[in-house]
Amino acid sequence: AAAAVSFRARHPRRGAAATAAALAIVTVGMFFVYFEHANASFAAATIAPADLPAELARWARWHWVRTALSVGATVAAFRAADY
């Protein structure tokens, strides 16, 4: 919403607001793309014990991408702020 308002108002930092919004949307979307199924698989114990180390490593890589995107969204939001 803040990005939309900044574009409507032609705010000089609207690009940073759009970047923050896009990164936040991608971060949330990652839950539905990967984490929802992966977390359910861990909870239901449907992953074979031999496959568990590789799946945990995959989960960790996705998590670090999600963390980096979240940090990027936060930095962009601060850049967009007019203070």
Protein backbone atom coordinates (compact mmCIF):
# COMPACT_ATOMS: atom_id res chain seq x y z
CA ALA A 1 0.00 0.00 0.00
CA ALA A 2 2.84 2.39 0.83
CA ALA A 3 4.42 1.78 -2.57
CA ALA A 4 1.13 2.47 -4.33
CA VAL A 5 0.64 5.69 -2.38
CA SER A 6 4.20 6.79 -3.08
CA PHE A 7 3.67 6.28 -6.83
CA ARG A 8 0.37 8.13 -6.75
CA ALA A 9 2.04 11.02 -4.90
CA ARG A 10 5.08 10.85 -7.21
CA HIS A 11 7.32 10.62 -4.17
CA PRO A 12 11.02 10.90 -5.09
CA ARG A 13 11.79 7.61 -3.33
CA ARG A 14 8.96 5.63 -4.91
CA GLY A 15 11.43 3.24 -6.54
CA ALA A 16 12.72 2.19 -3.13
CA ALA A 17 9.14 1.75 -1.92
CA ALA A 18 8.37 -0.45 -4.94
CA THR A 19 11.53 -2.48 -4.31
CA ALA A 20 10.55 -2.99 -0.67
CA ALA A 21 7.05 -4.10 -1.68
CA ALA A 22 8.31 -6.47 -4.37
CA LEU A 23 10.85 -8.10 -2.06
CA ALA A 24 8.24 -8.47 0.68
CA ILE A 25 5.80 -10.10 -1.77
CA VAL A 26 8.48 -12.52 -2.99
CA THR A 27 9.42 -13.35 0.62
CA VAL A 28 5.82 -14.17 1.51
CA GLY A 29 5.35 -16.07 -1.75
CA MET A 30 8.26 -18.33 -0.89
CA PHE A 31 6.13 -19.85 1.86
CA PHE A 32 3.61 -21.10 -0.67
CA VAL A 33 6.24 -22.09 -3.24
CA TYR A 34 8.48 -24.12 -0.92
CA PHE A 35 8.07 -23.81 2.84
CA GLU A 36 4.43 -24.88 3.17
CA HIS A 37 5.12 -28.31 1.65
CA ALA A 38 8.56 -28.72 3.22
CA ASN A 39 7.34 -27.87 6.72
CA ALA A 40 4.39 -30.25 6.34
CA SER A 41 6.79 -33.00 5.25
CA PHE A 42 8.95 -32.44 8.33
CA ALA A 43 5.91 -32.36 10.62
CA ALA A 44 4.41 -35.53 9.14
CA ALA A 45 7.79 -37.29 9.12
CA THR A 46 7.33 -38.30 5.49
CA ILE A 47 10.98 -37.74 4.58
CA ALA A 48 13.10 -40.87 4.56
CA PRO A 49 15.82 -40.78 7.23
CA ALA A 50 18.51 -41.14 4.55
CA ASP A 51 17.11 -38.09 2.71
CA LEU A 52 16.78 -35.92 5.81
CA PRO A 53 20.26 -34.31 5.75
CA ALA A 54 19.86 -33.23 2.12
CA GLU A 55 16.34 -31.92 2.74
CA LEU A 56 17.50 -29.97 5.80
CA ALA A 57 20.32 -28.45 3.74
CA ARG A 58 17.83 -27.49 1.01
CA TRP A 59 15.52 -25.95 3.64
CA ALA A 60 18.45 -23.97 5.08
CA ARG A 61 19.41 -22.59 1.65
CA TRP A 62 15.84 -21.47 0.97
CA HIS A 63 15.69 -19.98 4.46
CA TRP A 64 18.86 -17.91 3.90
CA VAL A 65 17.46 -16.63 0.60
CA ARG A 66 14.25 -15.69 2.42
CA THR A 67 16.28 -13.97 5.13
CA ALA A 68 18.34 -12.00 2.60
CA LEU A 69 15.19 -10.91 0.75
CA SER A 70 13.62 -9.80 4.03
CA VAL A 71 16.69 -7.77 4.95
CA GLY A 72 16.69 -6.26 1.46
CA ALA A 73 13.02 -5.31 1.83
CA THR A 74 13.73 -3.70 5.19
CA VAL A 75 16.66 -1.69 3.82
CA ALA A 76 14.58 -0.57 0.84
CA ALA A 77 11.73 0.46 3.15
CA PHE A 78 14.10 2.55 5.24
CA ARG A 79 15.45 4.16 2.06
CA ALA A 80 11.91 4.94 0.98
CA ALA A 81 11.05 6.55 4.32
CA ASP A 82 10.92 10.31 4.34
CA TYR A 83 12.53 11.21 7.64
